[in-house]
PDB file of all heavy atoms in Angstrom:
ATOM      1  N   LEU A   1       2.247  -7.346 -10.804  1.00  0.00           N
ATOM      2  CA  LEU A   1       1.145  -7.242  -9.841  1.00  0.00           C
ATOM      3  C   LEU A   1       0.492  -5.898  -9.890  1.00  0.00           C
ATOM      4  O   LEU A   1      -0.743  -5.802  -9.849  1.00  0.00           O
ATOM      5  CB  LEU A   1       1.677  -7.543  -8.420  1.00  0.00           C
ATOM      6  CG  LEU A   1       0.662  -7.498  -7.300  1.00  0.00           C
ATOM      7  CD1 LEU A   1      -0.455  -8.530  -7.500  1.00  0.00           C
ATOM      8  CD2 LEU A   1       1.355  -7.684  -5.961  1.00  0.00           C
ATOM      9  N   ASN A   2       1.247  -4.827 -10.000  1.00  0.00           N
ATOM     10  CA  ASN A   2       0.700  -3.502 -10.105  1.00  0.00           C
ATOM     11  C   ASN A   2      -0.201  -3.355 -11.317  1.00  0.00           C
ATOM     12  O   ASN A   2      -1.321  -2.877 -11.246  1.00  0.00           O
ATOM     13  CB  ASN A   2       1.835  -2.459 -10.155  1.00  0.00           C
ATOM     14  CG  ASN A   2       1.301  -1.051 -10.212  1.00  0.00           C
ATOM     15  OD1 ASN A   2       0.542  -0.609  -9.385  1.00  0.00           O
ATOM     16  ND2 ASN A   2       1.722  -0.331 -11.259  1.00  0.00           N
ATOM     17  N   ASN A   3       0.279  -3.850 -12.460  1.00  0.00           N
ATOM     18  CA  ASN A   3      -0.506  -3.806 -13.690  1.00  0.00           C
ATOM     19  C   ASN A   3      -1.782  -4.638 -13.521  1.00  0.00           C
ATOM     20  O   ASN A   3      -2.864  -4.243 -13.939  1.00  0.00           O
ATOM     21  CB  ASN A   3       0.312  -4.324 -14.874  1.00  0.00           C
ATOM     22  CG  ASN A   3       1.431  -3.449 -15.223  1.00  0.00           C
ATOM     23  OD1 ASN A   3       1.457  -2.260 -14.874  1.00  0.00           O
ATOM     24  ND2 ASN A   3       2.434  -3.977 -15.951  1.00  0.00           N
ATOM     25  N   HIS A   4      -1.653  -5.807 -12.924  1.00  0.00           N
ATOM     26  CA  HIS A   4      -2.812  -6.704 -12.727  1.00  0.00           C
ATOM     27  C   HIS A   4      -3.853  -6.042 -11.860  1.00  0.00           C
ATOM     28  O   HIS A   4      -5.061  -6.067 -12.175  1.00  0.00           O
ATOM     29  CB  HIS A   4      -2.321  -7.990 -12.057  1.00  0.00           C
ATOM     30  CG  HIS A   4      -3.402  -8.995 -11.780  1.00  0.00           C
ATOM     31  ND1 HIS A   4      -4.173  -9.522 -12.755  1.00  0.00           N
ATOM     32  CD2 HIS A   4      -3.819  -9.534 -10.604  1.00  0.00           C
ATOM     33  CE1 HIS A   4      -5.036 -10.390 -12.175  1.00  0.00           C
ATOM     34  NE2 HIS A   4      -4.847 -10.368 -10.870  1.00  0.00           N
ATOM     35  N   MET A   5      -3.448  -5.373 -10.785  1.00  0.00           N
ATOM     36  CA  MET A   5      -4.392  -4.740  -9.887  1.00  0.00           C
ATOM     37  C   MET A   5      -5.116  -3.560 -10.562  1.00  0.00           C
ATOM     38  O   MET A   5      -6.325  -3.333 -10.352  1.00  0.00           O
ATOM     39  CB  MET A   5      -3.706  -4.290  -8.608  1.00  0.00           C
ATOM     40  CG  MET A   5      -3.271  -5.469  -7.759  1.00  0.00           C
ATOM     41  SD  MET A   5      -2.374  -4.978  -6.286  1.00  0.00           S
ATOM     42  CE  MET A   5      -3.644  -4.211  -5.351  1.00  0.00           C
ATOM     43  N   HIS A   6      -4.391  -2.809 -11.414  1.00  0.00           N
ATOM     44  CA  HIS A   6      -4.971  -1.646 -12.070  1.00  0.00           C
ATOM     45  C   HIS A   6      -5.842  -1.975 -13.273  1.00  0.00           C
ATOM     46  O   HIS A   6      -6.519  -1.099 -13.797  1.00  0.00           O
ATOM     47  CB  HIS A   6      -3.889  -0.649 -12.440  1.00  0.00           C
ATOM     48  CG  HIS A   6      -3.379   0.114 -11.274  1.00  0.00           C
ATOM     49  ND1 HIS A   6      -2.278  -0.243 -10.559  1.00  0.00           N
ATOM     50  CD2 HIS A   6      -3.874   1.245 -10.685  1.00  0.00           C
ATOM     51  CE1 HIS A   6      -2.096   0.600  -9.583  1.00  0.00           C
ATOM     52  NE2 HIS A   6      -3.051   1.522  -9.632  1.00  0.00           N
ATOM     53  N   THR A   7      -5.742  -3.212 -13.754  1.00  0.00           N
ATOM     54  CA  THR A   7      -6.548  -3.595 -14.924  1.00  0.00           C
ATOM     55  C   THR A   7      -7.498  -4.728 -14.561  1.00  0.00           C
ATOM     56  O   THR A   7      -8.649  -4.485 -14.290  1.00  0.00           O
ATOM     57  CB  THR A   7      -5.643  -3.997 -16.102  1.00  0.00           C
ATOM     58  OG1 THR A   7      -4.759  -5.075 -15.686  1.00  0.00           O
ATOM     59  CG2 THR A   7      -4.812  -2.833 -16.635  1.00  0.00           C
ATOM     60  N   CYS A   8      -6.979  -5.912 -14.466  1.00  0.00           N
ATOM     61  CA  CYS A   8      -7.819  -7.106 -14.251  1.00  0.00           C
ATOM     62  C   CYS A   8      -8.639  -7.027 -12.994  1.00  0.00           C
ATOM     63  O   CYS A   8      -9.850  -7.192 -13.020  1.00  0.00           O
ATOM     64  CB  CYS A   8      -6.940  -8.335 -14.213  1.00  0.00           C
ATOM     65  SG  CYS A   8      -5.894  -8.575 -15.674  1.00  0.00           S
ATOM     66  N   VAL A   9      -7.987  -6.760 -11.850  1.00  0.00           N
ATOM     67  CA  VAL A   9      -8.676  -6.748 -10.589  1.00  0.00           C
ATOM     68  C   VAL A   9      -9.702  -5.616 -10.539  1.00  0.00           C
ATOM     69  O   VAL A   9     -10.859  -5.840 -10.169  1.00  0.00           O
ATOM     70  CB  VAL A   9      -7.678  -6.678  -9.424  1.00  0.00           C
ATOM     71  CG1 VAL A   9      -8.415  -6.499  -8.081  1.00  0.00           C
ATOM     72  CG2 VAL A   9      -6.782  -7.914  -9.357  1.00  0.00           C
ATOM     73  N   LEU A  10      -9.263  -4.452 -10.928  1.00  0.00           N
ATOM     74  CA  LEU A  10     -10.154  -3.295 -10.928  1.00  0.00           C
ATOM     75  C   LEU A  10     -11.395  -3.545 -11.780  1.00  0.00           C
ATOM     76  O   LEU A  10     -12.552  -3.306 -11.352  1.00  0.00           O
ATOM     77  CB  LEU A  10      -9.427  -2.037 -11.369  1.00  0.00           C
ATOM     78  CG  LEU A  10     -10.276  -0.744 -11.433  1.00  0.00           C
ATOM     79  CD1 LEU A  10     -10.774  -0.365 -10.038  1.00  0.00           C
ATOM     80  CD2 LEU A  10      -9.449   0.395 -12.032  1.00  0.00           C
ATOM     81  N   ASN A  11     -11.182  -4.010 -13.000  1.00  0.00           N
ATOM     82  CA  ASN A  11     -12.321  -4.259 -13.890  1.00  0.00           C
ATOM     83  C   ASN A  11     -13.264  -5.307 -13.366  1.00  0.00           C
ATOM     84  O   ASN A  11     -14.510  -5.158 -13.440  1.00  0.00           O
ATOM     85  CB  ASN A  11     -11.834  -4.653 -15.277  1.00  0.00           C
ATOM     86  CG  ASN A  11     -11.212  -3.502 -16.016  1.00  0.00           C
ATOM     87  OD1 ASN A  11     -11.491  -2.343 -15.774  1.00  0.00           O
ATOM     88  ND2 ASN A  11     -10.313  -3.805 -16.933  1.00  0.00           N
ATOM     89  N   LYS A  12     -12.722  -6.366 -12.779  1.00  0.00           N
ATOM     90  CA  LYS A  12     -13.585  -7.421 -12.213  1.00  0.00           C
ATOM     91  C   LYS A  12     -14.400  -6.905 -11.029  1.00  0.00           C
ATOM     92  O   LYS A  12     -15.586  -7.218 -10.921  1.00  0.00           O
ATOM     93  CB  LYS A  12     -12.780  -8.643 -11.870  1.00  0.00           C
ATOM     94  CG  LYS A  12     -12.352  -9.422 -13.094  1.00  0.00           C
ATOM     95  CD  LYS A  12     -11.674 -10.707 -12.745  1.00  0.00           C
ATOM     96  CE  LYS A  12     -11.332 -11.452 -14.057  1.00  0.00           C
ATOM     97  NZ  LYS A  12     -11.035 -12.846 -13.840  1.00  0.00           N
ATOM     98  N   ILE A  13     -13.775  -6.124 -10.163  1.00  0.00           N
ATOM     99  CA  ILE A  13     -14.518  -5.584  -9.030  1.00  0.00           C
ATOM    100  C   ILE A  13     -15.615  -4.654  -9.523  1.00  0.00           C
ATOM    101  O   ILE A  13     -16.759  -4.693  -8.996  1.00  0.00           O
ATOM    102  CB  ILE A  13     -13.548  -4.854  -8.044  1.00  0.00           C
ATOM    103  CG1 ILE A  13     -12.700  -5.898  -7.317  1.00  0.00           C
ATOM    104  CG2 ILE A  13     -14.348  -4.000  -7.051  1.00  0.00           C
ATOM    105  CD1 ILE A  13     -11.586  -5.309  -6.465  1.00  0.00           C
ATOM    106  N   GLN A  14     -15.306  -3.831 -10.522  1.00  0.00           N
ATOM    107  CA  GLN A  14     -16.313  -2.922 -11.067  1.00  0.00           C
ATOM    108  C   GLN A  14     -17.473  -3.696 -11.691  1.00  0.00           C
ATOM    109  O   GLN A  14     -18.600  -3.208 -11.744  1.00  0.00           O
ATOM    110  CB  GLN A  14     -15.702  -1.985 -12.090  1.00  0.00           C
ATOM    111  CG  GLN A  14     -14.789  -0.945 -11.481  1.00  0.00           C
ATOM    112  CD  GLN A  14     -14.030  -0.071 -12.489  1.00  0.00           C
ATOM    113  OE1 GLN A  14     -13.839  -0.516 -13.618  1.00  0.00           O
ATOM    114  NE2 GLN A  14     -13.573   1.079 -12.056  1.00  0.00           N
ATOM    115  N   ASN A  15     -17.192  -4.912 -12.161  1.00  0.00           N
ATOM    116  CA  ASN A  15     -18.243  -5.759 -12.763  1.00  0.00           C
ATOM    117  C   ASN A  15     -18.916  -6.634 -11.665  1.00  0.00           C
ATOM    118  O   ASN A  15     -19.693  -7.530 -12.057  1.00  0.00           O
ATOM    119  CB  ASN A  15     -17.660  -6.638 -13.865  1.00  0.00           C
ATOM    120  CG  ASN A  15     -17.290  -5.839 -15.084  1.00  0.00           C
ATOM    121  OD1 ASN A  15     -17.884  -4.795 -15.352  1.00  0.00           O
ATOM    122  ND2 ASN A  15     -16.342  -6.319 -15.816  1.00  0.00           N
ATOM    123  N   GLY A  16     -18.599  -6.409 -10.423  1.00  0.00           N
ATOM    124  CA  GLY A  16     -19.233  -7.166  -9.339  1.00  0.00           C
ATOM    125  C   GLY A  16     -18.618  -8.535  -9.092  1.00  0.00           C
ATOM    126  O   GLY A  16     -19.181  -9.309  -8.296  1.00  0.00           O
ATOM    127  N   GLU A  17     -17.512  -8.826  -9.733  1.00  0.00           N
ATOM    128  CA  GLU A  17     -16.855 -10.150  -9.571  1.00  0.00           C
ATOM    129  C   GLU A  17     -15.842 -10.088  -8.412  1.00  0.00           C
ATOM    130  O   GLU A  17     -14.630 -10.115  -8.600  1.00  0.00           O
ATOM    131  CB  GLU A  17     -16.144 -10.544 -10.885  1.00  0.00           C
ATOM    132  CG  GLU A  17     -17.079 -10.644 -12.085  1.00  0.00           C
ATOM    133  CD  GLU A  17     -16.350 -10.878 -13.366  1.00  0.00           C
ATOM    134  OE1 GLU A  17     -15.452 -11.743 -13.421  1.00  0.00           O
ATOM    135  OE2 GLU A  17     -16.640 -10.133 -14.339  1.00  0.00           O
ATOM    136  N   THR A  18     -16.409 -10.000  -7.204  1.00  0.00           N
ATOM    137  CA  THR A  18     -15.537  -9.778  -6.048  1.00  0.00           C
ATOM    138  C   THR A  18     -14.716 -10.984  -5.633  1.00  0.00           C
ATOM    139  O   THR A  18     -13.797 -10.865  -4.822  1.00  0.00           O
ATOM    140  CB  THR A  18     -16.364  -9.308  -4.807  1.00  0.00           C
ATOM    141  OG1 THR A  18     -17.376 -10.303  -4.557  1.00  0.00           O
ATOM    142  CG2 THR A  18     -17.023  -7.950  -5.085  1.00  0.00           C
ATOM    143  N   GLU A  19     -14.972 -12.161  -6.233  1.00  0.00           N
ATOM    144  CA  GLU A  19     -14.144 -13.333  -5.959  1.00  0.00           C
ATOM    145  C   GLU A  19     -12.667 -13.127  -6.400  1.00  0.00           C
ATOM    146  O   GLU A  19     -11.771 -13.831  -5.947  1.00  0.00           O
ATOM    147  CB  GLU A  19     -14.729 -14.585  -6.596  1.00  0.00           C
ATOM    148  CG  GLU A  19     -14.723 -14.648  -8.074  1.00  0.00           C
ATOM    149  CD  GLU A  19     -15.893 -13.920  -8.739  1.00  0.00           C
ATOM    150  OE1 GLU A  19     -16.779 -13.396  -8.051  1.00  0.00           O
ATOM    151  OE2 GLU A  19     -15.906 -13.850  -9.982  1.00  0.00           O
ATOM    152  N   VAL A  20     -12.467 -12.120  -7.241  1.00  0.00           N
ATOM    153  CA  VAL A  20     -11.126 -11.792  -7.702  1.00  0.00           C
ATOM    154  C   VAL A  20     -10.240 -11.394  -6.488  1.00  0.00           C
ATOM    155  O   VAL A  20      -9.025 -11.528  -6.538  1.00  0.00           O
ATOM    156  CB  VAL A  20     -11.140 -10.705  -8.804  1.00  0.00           C
ATOM    157  CG1 VAL A  20     -11.493  -9.343  -8.236  1.00  0.00           C
ATOM    158  CG2 VAL A  20      -9.809 -10.692  -9.521  1.00  0.00           C
ATOM    159  N   ILE A  21     -10.850 -10.900  -5.430  1.00  0.00           N
ATOM    160  CA  ILE A  21     -10.078 -10.502  -4.240  1.00  0.00           C
ATOM    161  C   ILE A  21      -9.413 -11.723  -3.635  1.00  0.00           C
ATOM    162  O   ILE A  21      -8.247 -11.675  -3.237  1.00  0.00           O
ATOM    163  CB  ILE A  21     -10.974  -9.755  -3.228  1.00  0.00           C
ATOM    164  CG1 ILE A  21     -11.452  -8.429  -3.832  1.00  0.00           C
ATOM    165  CG2 ILE A  21     -10.215  -9.515  -1.912  1.00  0.00           C
ATOM    166  CD1 ILE A  21     -12.484  -7.723  -3.033  1.00  0.00           C
ATOM    167  N   ASP A  22     -10.160 -12.833  -3.537  1.00  0.00           N
ATOM    168  CA  ASP A  22      -9.560 -14.070  -3.008  1.00  0.00           C
ATOM    169  C   ASP A  22      -8.393 -14.566  -3.872  1.00  0.00           C
ATOM    170  O   ASP A  22      -7.375 -14.980  -3.390  1.00  0.00           O
ATOM    171  CB  ASP A  22     -10.621 -15.157  -2.901  1.00  0.00           C
ATOM    172  CG  ASP A  22     -11.638 -14.841  -1.832  1.00  0.00           C
ATOM    173  OD1 ASP A  22     -11.327 -14.158  -0.844  1.00  0.00           O
ATOM    174  OD2 ASP A  22     -12.820 -15.274  -1.993  1.00  0.00           O
ATOM    175  N   GLU A  23      -8.607 -14.469  -5.191  1.00  0.00           N
ATOM    176  CA  GLU A  23      -7.562 -14.859  -6.129  1.00  0.00           C
ATOM    177  C   GLU A  23      -6.343 -13.991  -5.950  1.00  0.00           C
ATOM    178  O   GLU A  23      -5.193 -14.451  -5.933  1.00  0.00           O
ATOM    179  CB  GLU A  23      -8.075 -14.747  -7.569  1.00  0.00           C
ATOM    180  CG  GLU A  23      -7.044 -15.037  -8.629  1.00  0.00           C
ATOM    181  CD  GLU A  23      -7.576 -14.744 -10.017  1.00  0.00           C
ATOM    182  OE1 GLU A  23      -7.506 -13.572 -10.410  1.00  0.00           O
ATOM    183  OE2 GLU A  23      -8.060 -15.696 -10.676  1.00  0.00           O
ATOM    184  N   LEU A  24      -6.560 -12.676  -5.771  1.00  0.00           N
ATOM    185  CA  LEU A  24      -5.444 -11.731  -5.569  1.00  0.00           C
ATOM    186  C   LEU A  24      -4.698 -12.032  -4.272  1.00  0.00           C
ATOM    187  O   LEU A  24      -3.459 -12.031  -4.259  1.00  0.00           O
ATOM    188  CB  LEU A  24      -5.994 -10.289  -5.566  1.00  0.00           C
ATOM    189  CG  LEU A  24      -4.949  -9.195  -5.254  1.00  0.00           C
ATOM    190  CD1 LEU A  24      -3.881  -9.163  -6.339  1.00  0.00           C
ATOM    191  CD2 LEU A  24      -5.659  -7.866  -5.169  1.00  0.00           C
ATOM    192  N   MET A  25      -5.461 -12.314  -3.206  1.00  0.00           N
ATOM    193  CA  MET A  25      -4.806 -12.608  -1.942  1.00  0.00           C
ATOM    194  C   MET A  25      -3.989 -13.887  -2.021  1.00  0.00           C
ATOM    195  O   MET A  25      -2.882 -13.960  -1.497  1.00  0.00           O
ATOM    196  CB  MET A  25      -5.867 -12.740  -0.828  1.00  0.00           C
ATOM    197  CG  MET A  25      -6.467 -11.400  -0.459  1.00  0.00           C
ATOM    198  SD  MET A  25      -5.289 -10.030  -0.114  1.00  0.00           S
ATOM    199  CE  MET A  25      -4.367 -10.712   1.226  1.00  0.00           C
ATOM    200  N   ASP A  26      -4.471 -14.914  -2.723  1.00  0.00           N
ATOM    201  CA  ASP A  26      -3.706 -16.155  -2.945  1.00  0.00           C
ATOM    202  C   ASP A  26      -2.386 -15.834  -3.667  1.00  0.00           C
ATOM    203  O   ASP A  26      -1.339 -16.366  -3.313  1.00  0.00           O
ATOM    204  CB  ASP A  26      -4.507 -17.191  -3.749  1.00  0.00           C
ATOM    205  CG  ASP A  26      -5.621 -17.823  -2.957  1.00  0.00           C
ATOM    206  OD1 ASP A  26      -5.636 -17.707  -1.684  1.00  0.00           O
ATOM    207  OD2 ASP A  26      -6.543 -18.400  -3.571  1.00  0.00           O
ATOM    208  N   THR A  27      -2.485 -14.967  -4.654  1.00  0.00           N
ATOM    209  CA  THR A  27      -1.290 -14.587  -5.398  1.00  0.00           C
ATOM    210  C   THR A  27      -0.304 -13.859  -4.519  1.00  0.00           C
ATOM    211  O   THR A  27       0.894 -14.125  -4.546  1.00  0.00           O
ATOM    212  CB  THR A  27      -1.687 -13.725  -6.600  1.00  0.00           C
ATOM    213  OG1 THR A  27      -2.571 -14.473  -7.449  1.00  0.00           O
ATOM    214  CG2 THR A  27      -0.471 -13.269  -7.410  1.00  0.00           C
ATOM    215  N   ILE A  28      -0.802 -12.913  -3.704  1.00  0.00           N
ATOM    216  CA  ILE A  28       0.097 -12.154  -2.808  1.00  0.00           C
ATOM    217  C   ILE A  28       0.773 -13.103  -1.811  1.00  0.00           C
ATOM    218  O   ILE A  28       1.954 -12.985  -1.535  1.00  0.00           O
ATOM    219  CB  ILE A  28      -0.690 -11.042  -2.127  1.00  0.00           C
ATOM    220  CG1 ILE A  28      -1.043  -9.944  -3.156  1.00  0.00           C
ATOM    221  CG2 ILE A  28       0.107 -10.426  -0.979  1.00  0.00           C
ATOM    222  CD1 ILE A  28      -1.988  -8.880  -2.669  1.00  0.00           C
ATOM    223  N   TYR A  29      -0.008 -14.056  -1.278  1.00  0.00           N
ATOM    224  CA  TYR A  29       0.603 -14.989  -0.316  1.00  0.00           C
ATOM    225  C   TYR A  29       1.745 -15.801  -0.968  1.00  0.00           C
ATOM    226  O   TYR A  29       2.757 -16.009  -0.368  1.00  0.00           O
ATOM    227  CB  TYR A  29      -0.472 -15.995   0.215  1.00  0.00           C
ATOM    228  CG  TYR A  29      -1.468 -15.348   1.136  1.00  0.00           C
ATOM    229  CD1 TYR A  29      -2.791 -15.750   1.148  1.00  0.00           C
ATOM    230  CD2 TYR A  29      -1.103 -14.304   2.014  1.00  0.00           C
ATOM    231  CE1 TYR A  29      -3.730 -15.155   1.997  1.00  0.00           C
ATOM    232  CE2 TYR A  29      -2.054 -13.704   2.860  1.00  0.00           C
ATOM    233  CZ  TYR A  29      -3.347 -14.135   2.850  1.00  0.00           C
ATOM    234  OH  TYR A  29      -4.261 -13.560   3.655  1.00  0.00           O
ATOM    235  N   LYS A  30       1.554 -16.175  -2.212  1.00  0.00           N
ATOM    236  CA  LYS A  30       2.585 -16.934  -2.962  1.00  0.00           C
ATOM    237  C   LYS A  30       3.834 -16.050  -3.118  1.00  0.00           C
ATOM    238  O   LYS A  30       4.959 -16.542  -3.027  1.00  0.00           O
ATOM    239  CB  LYS A  30       2.067 -17.427  -4.303  1.00  0.00           C
ATOM    240  CG  LYS A  30       1.098 -18.538  -4.188  1.00  0.00           C
ATOM    241  CD  LYS A  30       0.499 -18.868  -5.551  1.00  0.00           C
ATOM    242  CE  LYS A  30      -0.629 -19.871  -5.412  1.00  0.00           C
ATOM    243  NZ  LYS A  30      -1.312 -20.138  -6.725  1.00  0.00           N
TER     244      LYS A  30
END
């Protein structure tokens, strides 16, 4: 999860793909 947040999530947010936050929250809930 740490690696995912520092690479995939960060890059997608920087590219304006904020829907990744919902995906991340679903993952955290699981």
